[in-house]
N, C-alpha and C. Protein backbone atom coordinates (compact mmCIF):
# COMPACT_ATOMS: atom_id res chain seq x y z
N MET A 1 30.31 73.34 59.61
CA MET A 1 30.98 73.60 60.86
C MET A 1 32.25 72.76 60.92
N ALA A 2 33.25 73.34 61.48
CA ALA A 2 34.53 72.65 61.59
C ALA A 2 35.20 73.05 62.89
N VAL A 3 36.24 72.31 63.24
CA VAL A 3 37.03 72.60 64.42
C VAL A 3 38.49 72.67 64.01
N LEU A 4 39.17 73.73 64.45
CA LEU A 4 40.60 73.89 64.20
C LEU A 4 41.32 73.77 65.53
N ASP A 5 42.25 72.82 65.61
CA ASP A 5 43.07 72.69 66.81
C ASP A 5 44.16 73.74 66.78
N VAL A 6 44.24 74.52 67.84
CA VAL A 6 45.29 75.53 68.01
C VAL A 6 45.93 75.27 69.36
N PRO A 7 47.12 75.80 69.62
CA PRO A 7 47.74 75.56 70.92
C PRO A 7 46.83 76.00 72.08
N GLY A 8 46.44 75.04 72.90
CA GLY A 8 45.65 75.33 74.08
C GLY A 8 44.15 75.37 73.89
N ALA A 9 43.67 75.15 72.66
CA ALA A 9 42.22 75.25 72.44
C ALA A 9 41.82 74.58 71.13
N ARG A 10 40.52 74.47 70.97
CA ARG A 10 39.91 74.01 69.73
C ARG A 10 38.88 75.05 69.33
N LEU A 11 39.03 75.60 68.11
CA LEU A 11 38.17 76.69 67.66
C LEU A 11 37.08 76.18 66.74
N HIS A 12 35.84 76.39 67.14
CA HIS A 12 34.69 76.04 66.32
C HIS A 12 34.51 77.17 65.30
N HIS A 13 34.40 76.82 64.02
CA HIS A 13 34.24 77.85 62.99
C HIS A 13 33.43 77.34 61.81
N THR A 14 32.97 78.28 61.01
CA THR A 14 32.22 77.97 59.80
C THR A 14 32.79 78.79 58.66
N VAL A 15 32.92 78.16 57.50
CA VAL A 15 33.37 78.84 56.29
C VAL A 15 32.25 78.72 55.25
N THR A 16 31.79 79.86 54.74
CA THR A 16 30.73 79.87 53.74
C THR A 16 31.07 80.84 52.62
N GLY A 17 30.49 80.62 51.47
CA GLY A 17 30.64 81.53 50.34
C GLY A 17 31.92 81.32 49.58
N SER A 18 32.18 82.27 48.66
CA SER A 18 33.42 82.23 47.88
C SER A 18 33.80 83.66 47.52
N GLY A 19 35.05 83.82 47.21
CA GLY A 19 35.58 85.15 46.90
C GLY A 19 36.62 85.52 47.93
N PRO A 20 36.94 86.81 48.02
CA PRO A 20 37.94 87.24 49.00
C PRO A 20 37.53 86.84 50.42
N VAL A 21 38.51 86.51 51.22
CA VAL A 21 38.23 86.04 52.59
C VAL A 21 37.87 87.21 53.49
N LEU A 22 36.82 87.00 54.29
CA LEU A 22 36.35 87.96 55.28
C LEU A 22 36.22 87.21 56.60
N LEU A 23 37.04 87.59 57.57
CA LEU A 23 37.00 86.97 58.90
C LEU A 23 36.18 87.85 59.82
N CYS A 24 35.14 87.27 60.42
CA CYS A 24 34.27 88.00 61.35
C CYS A 24 34.65 87.63 62.78
N ILE A 25 35.07 88.63 63.54
CA ILE A 25 35.52 88.41 64.92
C ILE A 25 34.51 89.04 65.88
N PRO A 26 33.82 88.21 66.68
CA PRO A 26 32.87 88.76 67.64
C PRO A 26 33.59 89.38 68.83
N GLY A 27 32.96 90.35 69.44
CA GLY A 27 33.56 91.02 70.60
C GLY A 27 33.00 90.51 71.91
N GLY A 28 33.70 90.85 72.98
CA GLY A 28 33.25 90.47 74.32
C GLY A 28 33.09 88.98 74.47
N ALA A 29 32.01 88.59 75.10
CA ALA A 29 31.75 87.16 75.33
C ALA A 29 30.80 86.59 74.27
N ALA A 30 30.73 87.25 73.11
CA ALA A 30 29.85 86.78 72.03
C ALA A 30 30.49 85.65 71.24
N ASP A 31 29.64 84.87 70.59
CA ASP A 31 30.14 83.81 69.71
C ASP A 31 29.76 84.12 68.27
N SER A 32 30.03 83.19 67.38
CA SER A 32 29.79 83.41 65.95
C SER A 32 28.33 83.65 65.62
N GLY A 33 27.43 83.27 66.49
CA GLY A 33 26.01 83.45 66.25
C GLY A 33 25.62 84.90 66.04
N MET A 34 26.41 85.84 66.56
CA MET A 34 26.05 87.24 66.38
C MET A 34 26.13 87.67 64.92
N PHE A 35 26.86 86.91 64.10
CA PHE A 35 26.98 87.24 62.69
C PHE A 35 25.98 86.48 61.82
N ALA A 36 25.18 85.60 62.41
CA ALA A 36 24.22 84.80 61.64
C ALA A 36 23.30 85.64 60.76
N PRO A 37 22.79 86.77 61.23
CA PRO A 37 21.88 87.55 60.39
C PRO A 37 22.52 88.11 59.11
N ILE A 38 23.84 88.28 59.10
CA ILE A 38 24.48 88.89 57.93
C ILE A 38 25.43 87.97 57.18
N ALA A 39 25.77 86.83 57.76
CA ALA A 39 26.77 85.94 57.13
C ALA A 39 26.35 85.51 55.73
N GLY A 40 25.10 85.17 55.55
CA GLY A 40 24.64 84.75 54.23
C GLY A 40 24.76 85.85 53.19
N LEU A 41 24.43 87.06 53.58
CA LEU A 41 24.56 88.19 52.65
C LEU A 41 26.02 88.44 52.30
N LEU A 42 26.88 88.39 53.29
CA LEU A 42 28.31 88.60 53.04
C LEU A 42 28.89 87.49 52.17
N ALA A 43 28.38 86.27 52.34
CA ALA A 43 28.88 85.10 51.59
C ALA A 43 28.54 85.16 50.11
N GLU A 44 27.66 86.07 49.72
CA GLU A 44 27.36 86.21 48.29
C GLU A 44 28.58 86.75 47.53
N HIS A 45 29.48 87.43 48.22
CA HIS A 45 30.63 88.03 47.55
C HIS A 45 31.96 87.73 48.23
N HIS A 46 31.93 86.98 49.34
CA HIS A 46 33.14 86.70 50.11
C HIS A 46 33.15 85.26 50.60
N THR A 47 34.33 84.77 50.91
CA THR A 47 34.47 83.56 51.70
C THR A 47 34.44 84.04 53.15
N VAL A 48 33.36 83.74 53.85
CA VAL A 48 33.14 84.27 55.19
C VAL A 48 33.53 83.22 56.23
N ILE A 49 34.39 83.62 57.15
CA ILE A 49 34.78 82.76 58.27
C ILE A 49 34.18 83.39 59.53
N THR A 50 33.34 82.63 60.22
CA THR A 50 32.85 83.04 61.53
C THR A 50 33.34 82.02 62.53
N TYR A 51 33.58 82.46 63.77
CA TYR A 51 34.08 81.51 64.76
C TYR A 51 33.75 81.96 66.17
N ASP A 52 33.78 80.98 67.05
CA ASP A 52 33.64 81.24 68.48
C ASP A 52 35.06 81.39 69.04
N PRO A 53 35.41 82.54 69.60
CA PRO A 53 36.75 82.69 70.17
C PRO A 53 37.03 81.65 71.27
N ARG A 54 38.28 81.40 71.50
CA ARG A 54 38.66 80.40 72.51
C ARG A 54 37.98 80.67 73.83
N GLY A 55 37.44 79.60 74.42
CA GLY A 55 36.78 79.69 75.71
C GLY A 55 35.34 80.19 75.65
N ILE A 56 34.85 80.51 74.46
CA ILE A 56 33.49 81.01 74.28
C ILE A 56 32.67 79.97 73.54
N SER A 57 31.50 79.67 74.06
CA SER A 57 30.53 78.79 73.42
C SER A 57 31.15 77.44 73.07
N ARG A 58 31.27 77.12 71.79
CA ARG A 58 31.73 75.78 71.37
C ARG A 58 33.24 75.67 71.22
N SER A 59 33.99 76.76 71.41
CA SER A 59 35.46 76.70 71.31
C SER A 59 36.03 76.45 72.70
N THR A 60 36.55 75.26 72.88
CA THR A 60 36.97 74.82 74.21
C THR A 60 38.46 75.08 74.48
N LEU A 61 38.76 75.23 75.76
CA LEU A 61 40.14 75.44 76.22
C LEU A 61 40.68 74.17 76.84
N ASP A 62 41.98 73.92 76.66
CA ASP A 62 42.62 72.81 77.35
C ASP A 62 42.69 73.10 78.84
N ASP A 63 42.95 74.36 79.21
CA ASP A 63 43.04 74.78 80.61
C ASP A 63 42.13 75.98 80.83
N PRO A 64 40.92 75.77 81.31
CA PRO A 64 39.98 76.87 81.50
C PRO A 64 40.47 77.97 82.44
N ASP A 65 41.48 77.68 83.26
CA ASP A 65 42.00 78.68 84.19
C ASP A 65 43.14 79.51 83.60
N GLU A 66 43.57 79.19 82.38
CA GLU A 66 44.67 79.92 81.76
C GLU A 66 44.25 81.37 81.48
N GLU A 67 45.15 82.30 81.76
CA GLU A 67 44.89 83.71 81.50
C GLU A 67 44.71 83.93 80.00
N GLN A 68 43.69 84.69 79.63
CA GLN A 68 43.44 84.99 78.22
C GLN A 68 44.26 86.21 77.83
N ARG A 69 45.01 86.07 76.73
CA ARG A 69 45.89 87.14 76.28
C ARG A 69 45.53 87.54 74.85
N ILE A 70 45.56 88.82 74.58
CA ILE A 70 45.20 89.32 73.26
C ILE A 70 46.11 88.75 72.18
N GLU A 71 47.39 88.52 72.51
CA GLU A 71 48.32 87.97 71.54
C GLU A 71 47.89 86.58 71.09
N VAL A 72 47.35 85.81 72.01
CA VAL A 72 46.90 84.45 71.71
C VAL A 72 45.65 84.51 70.82
N HIS A 73 44.75 85.42 71.13
CA HIS A 73 43.55 85.57 70.29
C HIS A 73 43.93 86.01 68.88
N ALA A 74 44.91 86.90 68.76
CA ALA A 74 45.38 87.34 67.44
C ALA A 74 45.99 86.17 66.69
N ASP A 75 46.75 85.32 67.38
CA ASP A 75 47.34 84.14 66.75
C ASP A 75 46.24 83.18 66.30
N ASP A 76 45.19 83.04 67.10
CA ASP A 76 44.06 82.19 66.69
C ASP A 76 43.47 82.68 65.38
N ALA A 77 43.25 83.99 65.28
CA ALA A 77 42.67 84.57 64.06
C ALA A 77 43.57 84.29 62.85
N LEU A 78 44.87 84.45 63.02
CA LEU A 78 45.80 84.18 61.92
C LEU A 78 45.78 82.71 61.53
N ARG A 79 45.72 81.82 62.49
CA ARG A 79 45.67 80.39 62.19
C ARG A 79 44.38 80.03 61.44
N LEU A 80 43.28 80.66 61.83
CA LEU A 80 42.02 80.43 61.10
C LEU A 80 42.15 80.89 59.65
N LEU A 81 42.69 82.08 59.47
CA LEU A 81 42.88 82.59 58.11
C LEU A 81 43.78 81.67 57.29
N ASP A 82 44.89 81.27 57.87
CA ASP A 82 45.83 80.39 57.17
C ASP A 82 45.22 79.02 56.85
N SER A 83 44.24 78.59 57.65
CA SER A 83 43.61 77.29 57.38
C SER A 83 42.68 77.35 56.16
N VAL A 84 42.30 78.57 55.77
CA VAL A 84 41.42 78.73 54.61
C VAL A 84 42.24 79.12 53.38
N GLN A 85 43.10 80.11 53.51
CA GLN A 85 44.00 80.52 52.43
C GLN A 85 45.05 81.45 52.99
N THR A 86 46.09 81.68 52.24
CA THR A 86 47.18 82.53 52.72
C THR A 86 47.18 83.91 52.07
N GLU A 87 46.17 84.20 51.26
CA GLU A 87 46.07 85.52 50.63
C GLU A 87 45.61 86.55 51.67
N PRO A 88 45.81 87.83 51.40
CA PRO A 88 45.31 88.86 52.32
C PRO A 88 43.80 88.71 52.54
N ALA A 89 43.34 89.13 53.70
CA ALA A 89 41.93 89.01 54.05
C ALA A 89 41.43 90.31 54.65
N VAL A 90 40.12 90.41 54.70
CA VAL A 90 39.47 91.54 55.35
C VAL A 90 38.96 91.05 56.70
N ILE A 91 39.08 91.90 57.71
CA ILE A 91 38.60 91.57 59.05
C ILE A 91 37.41 92.46 59.37
N PHE A 92 36.34 91.85 59.87
CA PHE A 92 35.19 92.59 60.36
C PHE A 92 35.02 92.19 61.81
N ALA A 93 35.24 93.12 62.72
CA ALA A 93 35.16 92.82 64.14
C ALA A 93 34.13 93.73 64.79
N SER A 94 33.57 93.23 65.87
CA SER A 94 32.58 94.01 66.60
C SER A 94 33.04 94.20 68.04
N SER A 95 32.46 95.17 68.68
CA SER A 95 32.70 95.38 70.10
C SER A 95 31.65 94.61 70.87
N GLY A 96 31.97 94.23 72.08
CA GLY A 96 30.99 93.53 72.90
C GLY A 96 29.78 94.37 73.19
N GLY A 97 29.86 95.66 72.98
CA GLY A 97 28.74 96.54 73.30
C GLY A 97 27.94 97.00 72.11
N CYS A 98 28.29 96.54 70.91
CA CYS A 98 27.50 96.97 69.76
C CYS A 98 27.29 95.82 68.80
N PRO A 99 26.07 95.63 68.33
CA PRO A 99 25.81 94.55 67.37
C PRO A 99 26.37 94.91 66.01
N PRO A 100 26.60 93.88 65.17
CA PRO A 100 27.14 94.16 63.83
C PRO A 100 26.12 94.89 62.96
């Protein structure tokens, strides 16, 4: 487990496995725990990054009243990817209404 400081927040994340990078983005108010059942399997062939989005679970906000913007969440994802490697990555995202 690690923490990445980003503007306005601290993102709790885990990096496991090796190979091409796969970033798992949970939907809705879910945290990285939703990927726990499959992260190990994915890590057999990928470097898997799971994280709690800003303001969710262990990822804290500097200002909890700040409006959440999709552009900021996208920047968070890019910063996470760049903290692991700068090569192209695969994104696996879920909707808040459907499990992975």
